[in-house]
C-alpha cells in the first residue's frame, strides 16, 4: 500500500537490448509487452520468450 486506503497495481513489459538493437524497436517491443501484461491482469510482467537453442 502506498498510503492508507490507497492500493496500487503494476505491470511491466520487458524487452531485450542487444548490440544491434535500435532504440525504437526496443521501445516498441517493451510497449507491446506492457499491453500484453495489462491484458493478462494486474501485477503482471511479460518479457521476451526465447526460442530454445537461441543464445
C-alpha atoms as a PDB file:
ATOM      1  CA  UNK A   1       0.000   0.000   0.000  1.00  0.00           C
ATOM      2  CA  UNK A   2       1.193   3.482  -0.843  1.00  0.00           C
ATOM      3  CA  UNK A   3      -0.952   5.200   1.759  1.00  0.00           C
ATOM      4  CA  UNK A   4      -3.799   4.171   3.990  1.00  0.00           C
ATOM      5  CA  UNK A   5      -6.731   3.087   1.842  1.00  0.00           C
ATOM      6  CA  UNK A   6      -4.891   3.506  -1.484  1.00  0.00           C
ATOM      7  CA  UNK A   7      -3.946   0.325  -3.347  1.00  0.00           C
ATOM      8  CA  UNK A   8      -1.720   0.230  -6.408  1.00  0.00           C
ATOM      9  CA  UNK A   9      -1.045  -2.316  -9.115  1.00  0.00           C
ATOM     10  CA  UNK A  10       1.850  -2.538 -11.520  1.00  0.00           C
ATOM     11  CA  UNK A  11       2.520  -4.223 -14.861  1.00  0.00           C
ATOM     12  CA  UNK A  12       5.802  -4.361 -16.772  1.00  0.00           C
ATOM     13  CA  UNK A  13       6.815  -5.025 -20.346  1.00  0.00           C
ATOM     14  CA  UNK A  14      10.396  -6.239 -20.693  1.00  0.00           C
ATOM     15  CA  UNK A  15      12.443  -6.056 -23.893  1.00  0.00           C
ATOM     16  CA  UNK A  16      15.958  -7.271 -24.552  1.00  0.00           C
ATOM     17  CA  UNK A  17      18.630  -4.849 -25.767  1.00  0.00           C
ATOM     18  CA  UNK A  18      21.456  -6.186 -27.903  1.00  0.00           C
ATOM     19  CA  UNK A  19      24.398  -4.600 -29.672  1.00  0.00           C
ATOM     20  CA  UNK A  20      22.418  -4.397 -32.918  1.00  0.00           C
ATOM     21  CA  UNK A  21      19.157  -3.181 -31.289  1.00  0.00           C
ATOM     22  CA  UNK A  22      17.531   0.021 -32.414  1.00  0.00           C
ATOM     23  CA  UNK A  23      16.038   2.233 -29.736  1.00  0.00           C
ATOM     24  CA  UNK A  24      12.639   2.466 -31.460  1.00  0.00           C
ATOM     25  CA  UNK A  25      12.486  -1.319 -31.856  1.00  0.00           C
ATOM     26  CA  UNK A  26      13.305  -1.937 -28.214  1.00  0.00           C
ATOM     27  CA  UNK A  27      10.740   0.618 -27.033  1.00  0.00           C
ATOM     28  CA  UNK A  28       8.159  -0.849 -29.397  1.00  0.00           C
ATOM     29  CA  UNK A  29       8.822  -4.363 -28.046  1.00  0.00           C
ATOM     30  CA  UNK A  30       8.596  -3.169 -24.434  1.00  0.00           C
ATOM     31  CA  UNK A  31       5.373  -1.274 -25.182  1.00  0.00           C
ATOM     32  CA  UNK A  32       3.809  -4.322 -26.840  1.00  0.00           C
ATOM     33  CA  UNK A  33       4.712  -6.494 -23.863  1.00  0.00           C
ATOM     34  CA  UNK A  34       3.387  -3.899 -21.426  1.00  0.00           C
ATOM     35  CA  UNK A  35      -0.030  -4.040 -23.092  1.00  0.00           C
ATOM     36  CA  UNK A  36       0.130  -7.846 -23.088  1.00  0.00           C
ATOM     37  CA  UNK A  37       0.811  -7.719 -19.340  1.00  0.00           C
ATOM     38  CA  UNK A  38      -2.077  -5.320 -18.756  1.00  0.00           C
ATOM     39  CA  UNK A  39      -4.409  -7.593 -20.731  1.00  0.00           C
ATOM     40  CA  UNK A  40      -3.403 -10.565 -18.562  1.00  0.00           C
ATOM     41  CA  UNK A  41      -4.481  -8.778 -15.397  1.00  0.00           C
ATOM     42  CA  UNK A  42      -2.964  -6.843 -12.558  1.00  0.00           C
ATOM     43  CA  UNK A  43       0.581  -7.166 -11.303  1.00  0.00           C
ATOM     44  CA  UNK A  44       1.993  -8.963 -14.347  1.00  0.00           C
ATOM     45  CA  UNK A  45       5.358  -8.994 -16.048  1.00  0.00           C
ATOM     46  CA  UNK A  46       5.681 -10.012 -19.696  1.00  0.00           C
ATOM     47  CA  UNK A  47       9.084 -10.398 -21.289  1.00  0.00           C
ATOM     48  CA  UNK A  48      10.797 -11.863 -24.276  1.00  0.00           C
ATOM     49  CA  UNK A  49      10.196 -15.560 -24.758  1.00  0.00           C
ATOM     50  CA  UNK A  50      13.484 -17.012 -26.028  1.00  0.00           C
ATOM     51  CA  UNK A  51      13.258 -19.830 -28.532  1.00  0.00           C
ATOM     52  CA  UNK A  52      15.082 -22.986 -27.448  1.00  0.00           C
ATOM     53  CA  UNK A  53      18.569 -23.157 -28.876  1.00  0.00           C
ATOM     54  CA  UNK A  54      18.935 -19.354 -29.007  1.00  0.00           C
ATOM     55  CA  UNK A  55      21.943 -17.828 -27.266  1.00  0.00           C
END
